[in-house]
Amino acid sequence: MKTYQKNDVVRIELVLNGQRRSGTCESRTLLSDFLRHELGATGTHVGCEHGVCGACTVRVDGVASRTCLSLAVQAEGRSIETVEGLNREQARGQEGLSDLQEAFRRNHALQCGFCTAGILMSSADYLARKPDPSEQEVREMLSGHLCRCTGYTNIVKAVMETAAARLGRPVGATPPADQPGHAGIGTAAQSKLVSA
């Protein structure tokens, strides 16, 4: 294992969102600061700097990791995926949002947006490892994130919707209006609203 002195300036080479990148920093620089300030990946947010809030979550070699708990020198030669690269796999290099990001948008699963990047990265990691989670399992995964705006309900809905869509299940199926206990608008009423 390589050792560093506290104030050594080192060159770090890694793969960021599929592109080979490099930069310099002091050996004591956090990975979150290196990504943001040296490489310009500002979607990685820094909240607590103690690994509690989850805002700084990225994927390191495909696994969700807190960048405020890692030094930049630990990322040497590794593959880092930030929220800026989340659409890369599905969009094949085209601009646009991933299916998970679209579900967050569609379900209003963000408000101020500060925690969103970390939650998206943890959710992407989780769905890659567990493609058919229960609502309770999604809530447990999200327990590692602090969001002061949303109350998590729409975030859970977006993650569950993404999982269902990836498995080819109907997304957001609504029971008929005449079903007991249903307070929504039925299909017949919806078609009247559309045709009016």
Protein backbone atom coordinates (compact mmCIF):
# COMPACT_ATOMS: atom_id res chain seq x y z
CA MET A 1 0.00 0.00 0.00
CA LYS A 2 1.25 3.44 -0.94
CA THR A 3 1.79 5.93 1.88
CA TYR A 4 1.45 9.71 1.71
CA GLN A 5 2.46 12.59 3.89
CA LYS A 6 -0.29 14.95 5.05
CA ASN A 7 0.42 17.78 2.60
CA ASP A 8 1.78 15.81 -0.38
CA VAL A 9 0.35 16.97 -3.71
CA VAL A 10 -0.52 13.93 -5.81
CA ARG A 11 -1.89 13.26 -9.27
CA ILE A 12 -5.00 11.08 -9.32
CA GLU A 13 -6.10 9.22 -12.45
CA LEU A 14 -9.51 7.58 -12.60
CA VAL A 15 -12.44 6.94 -14.90
CA LEU A 16 -15.28 9.41 -14.32
CA ASN A 17 -18.59 8.57 -15.99
CA GLY A 18 -16.82 6.50 -18.63
CA GLN A 19 -14.10 9.05 -19.40
CA ARG A 20 -10.49 8.80 -18.26
CA ARG A 21 -9.78 11.88 -16.10
CA SER A 22 -6.98 13.13 -13.89
CA GLY A 23 -6.24 15.97 -11.53
CA THR A 24 -4.02 16.98 -8.65
CA CYS A 25 -4.82 17.47 -4.99
CA GLU A 26 -3.35 17.22 -1.54
CA SER A 27 -3.21 13.66 -0.23
CA ARG A 28 -5.74 14.57 2.50
CA THR A 29 -8.40 15.83 0.03
CA LEU A 30 -11.77 14.10 0.28
CA LEU A 31 -13.06 12.38 -2.83
CA SER A 32 -16.15 14.62 -2.73
CA ASP A 33 -13.99 17.76 -2.90
CA PHE A 34 -11.78 16.30 -5.63
CA LEU A 35 -14.79 15.41 -7.79
CA ARG A 36 -16.42 18.80 -7.31
CA HIS A 37 -13.48 21.20 -7.36
CA GLU A 38 -10.85 19.46 -9.47
CA LEU A 39 -12.97 17.48 -11.95
CA GLY A 40 -16.11 19.68 -12.03
CA ALA A 41 -18.60 16.94 -11.10
CA THR A 42 -20.73 19.35 -9.07
CA GLY A 43 -23.74 17.02 -8.94
CA THR A 44 -21.97 15.34 -6.03
CA HIS A 45 -23.16 17.40 -3.06
CA VAL A 46 -21.53 17.68 0.34
CA GLY A 47 -23.93 17.79 3.26
CA CYS A 48 -22.79 16.43 6.61
CA GLU A 49 -19.20 15.34 5.83
CA HIS A 50 -19.79 12.45 8.25
CA GLY A 51 -21.41 9.86 5.96
CA VAL A 52 -24.85 10.34 7.49
CA CYS A 53 -26.90 12.36 4.98
CA GLY A 54 -26.07 10.49 1.75
CA ALA A 55 -25.92 13.62 -0.45
CA CYS A 56 -22.38 12.75 -1.61
CA THR A 57 -23.18 9.20 -2.74
CA VAL A 58 -21.62 8.03 -6.02
CA ARG A 59 -20.81 4.58 -7.40
CA VAL A 60 -17.20 3.46 -7.07
CA ASP A 61 -16.50 0.42 -9.22
CA GLY A 62 -20.27 -0.06 -9.41
CA VAL A 63 -20.97 0.11 -5.66
CA ALA A 64 -22.68 3.02 -3.88
CA SER A 65 -20.15 4.85 -1.72
CA ARG A 66 -20.06 8.03 0.37
CA THR A 67 -17.40 10.34 -1.06
CA CYS A 68 -17.13 12.36 2.15
CA LEU A 69 -15.72 9.26 3.84
CA SER A 70 -13.10 8.52 1.18
CA LEU A 71 -9.89 10.25 0.26
CA ALA A 72 -9.28 11.10 -3.38
CA VAL A 73 -6.07 9.03 -3.35
CA GLN A 74 -8.22 5.96 -2.63
CA ALA A 75 -9.95 6.44 -6.00
CA GLU A 76 -6.72 6.11 -8.00
CA GLY A 77 -7.39 3.87 -11.02
CA ARG A 78 -11.02 3.26 -10.09
CA SER A 79 -14.24 3.86 -11.97
CA ILE A 80 -16.48 6.57 -10.50
CA GLU A 81 -20.04 7.20 -11.63
CA THR A 82 -21.77 10.40 -10.53
CA VAL A 83 -25.29 11.64 -11.22
CA GLU A 84 -23.96 13.40 -14.33
CA GLY A 85 -23.29 9.94 -15.84
CA LEU A 86 -26.44 8.20 -14.68
CA ASN A 87 -28.10 8.28 -18.09
CA ARG A 88 -25.00 6.95 -19.88
CA GLU A 89 -25.97 3.28 -19.86
CA GLN A 90 -29.49 3.77 -21.18
CA ALA A 91 -29.08 6.80 -23.41
CA ARG A 92 -26.00 5.36 -25.14
CA GLY A 93 -24.26 8.71 -25.09
CA GLN A 94 -27.31 10.76 -26.03
CA GLU A 95 -28.51 13.65 -23.89
CA GLY A 96 -31.50 12.95 -21.70
CA LEU A 97 -32.53 11.43 -18.42
CA SER A 98 -32.36 7.81 -17.33
CA ASP A 99 -35.58 5.96 -16.60
CA LEU A 100 -34.96 6.46 -12.88
CA GLN A 101 -34.43 10.21 -13.31
CA GLU A 102 -37.59 10.41 -15.45
CA ALA A 103 -39.55 8.61 -12.73
CA PHE A 104 -38.26 11.09 -10.14
CA ARG A 105 -39.37 13.95 -12.40
CA ARG A 106 -42.75 12.40 -13.16
CA ASN A 107 -43.49 11.65 -9.49
CA HIS A 108 -42.20 14.96 -8.11
CA ALA A 109 -39.66 13.02 -6.05
CA LEU A 110 -37.54 16.08 -5.38
CA GLN A 111 -38.03 19.61 -4.17
CA CYS A 112 -34.91 21.59 -3.35
CA GLY A 113 -32.79 18.90 -5.06
CA PHE A 114 -29.84 18.95 -2.67
CA CYS A 115 -30.18 15.29 -1.66
CA THR A 116 -31.49 14.08 -5.02
CA ALA A 117 -28.18 13.16 -6.68
CA GLY A 118 -27.16 10.92 -3.77
CA ILE A 119 -30.58 9.30 -3.59
CA LEU A 120 -30.53 8.66 -7.35
CA MET A 121 -27.10 7.02 -7.11
CA SER A 122 -28.10 4.80 -4.18
CA SER A 123 -31.36 3.89 -5.92
CA ALA A 124 -29.54 3.03 -9.17
CA ASP A 125 -27.11 0.84 -7.23
CA TYR A 126 -29.92 -0.81 -5.28
CA LEU A 127 -32.05 -1.57 -8.35
CA ALA A 128 -29.02 -3.06 -10.10
CA ARG A 129 -28.54 -5.45 -7.18
CA LYS A 130 -32.22 -5.99 -6.29
CA PRO A 131 -34.39 -5.46 -9.38
CA ASP A 132 -37.70 -6.39 -7.68
CA PRO A 133 -37.70 -4.74 -4.23
CA SER A 134 -40.68 -4.43 -1.94
CA GLU A 135 -41.78 -0.98 -0.79
CA GLN A 136 -40.39 -1.75 2.68
CA GLU A 137 -37.00 -2.69 1.20
CA VAL A 138 -36.88 0.59 -0.75
CA ARG A 139 -37.72 2.50 2.44
CA GLU A 140 -34.90 0.68 4.27
CA MET A 141 -32.46 1.56 1.48
CA LEU A 142 -33.53 5.20 1.71
CA SER A 143 -32.99 5.23 5.47
CA GLY A 144 -29.36 6.07 4.71
CA HIS A 145 -30.41 9.42 3.23
CA LEU A 146 -31.70 12.61 4.76
CA CYS A 147 -34.27 14.61 2.81
CA ARG A 148 -35.90 17.52 4.57
CA CYS A 149 -38.35 18.43 1.80
CA THR A 150 -40.17 15.47 0.28
CA GLY A 151 -41.20 13.15 3.08
CA TYR A 152 -39.87 10.25 0.93
CA THR A 153 -43.29 9.06 -0.34
CA ASN A 154 -42.76 10.24 -3.90
CA ILE A 155 -39.17 8.99 -3.88
CA VAL A 156 -40.38 5.51 -2.93
CA LYS A 157 -43.05 5.72 -5.62
CA ALA A 158 -40.46 6.68 -8.26
CA VAL A 159 -38.12 3.82 -7.33
CA MET A 160 -40.97 1.29 -7.28
CA GLU A 161 -42.26 2.59 -10.64
CA THR A 162 -38.80 2.22 -12.18
CA ALA A 163 -38.45 -1.33 -10.87
CA ALA A 164 -41.88 -2.27 -12.25
CA ALA A 165 -41.15 -0.75 -15.66
CA ARG A 166 -37.81 -2.53 -15.92
CA LEU A 167 -39.56 -5.82 -15.16
CA GLY A 168 -42.24 -5.14 -17.78
CA ARG A 169 -45.05 -4.71 -15.26
CA PRO A 170 -47.80 -2.14 -15.66
CA VAL A 171 -46.75 1.15 -14.08
CA GLY A 172 -49.20 3.08 -11.95
CA ALA A 173 -52.21 0.89 -12.65
CA THR A 174 -55.24 2.46 -10.97
CA PRO A 175 -58.16 0.33 -9.75
CA PRO A 176 -61.55 1.04 -11.39
CA ALA A 177 -63.54 3.91 -9.84
CA ASP A 178 -66.37 1.59 -8.81
CA GLN A 179 -64.03 -0.51 -6.66
CA PRO A 180 -64.86 -0.02 -2.95
CA GLY A 181 -62.58 2.44 -1.21
CA HIS A 182 -61.24 4.00 -4.40
CA ALA A 183 -61.42 7.79 -4.39
CA GLY A 184 -59.90 8.39 -7.84
CA ILE A 185 -61.47 9.17 -11.19
CA GLY A 186 -62.42 6.09 -13.18
CA THR A 187 -61.60 5.45 -16.84
CA ALA A 188 -65.05 6.53 -18.06
CA ALA A 189 -64.79 9.83 -16.18
CA GLN A 190 -61.23 10.35 -17.46
CA SER A 191 -62.33 9.90 -21.09
CA LYS A 192 -65.07 12.51 -20.56
CA LEU A 193 -62.47 14.96 -19.24
CA VAL A 194 -60.24 14.34 -22.25
CA SER A 195 -63.04 14.64 -24.82
CA ALA A 196 -64.59 17.77 -23.23
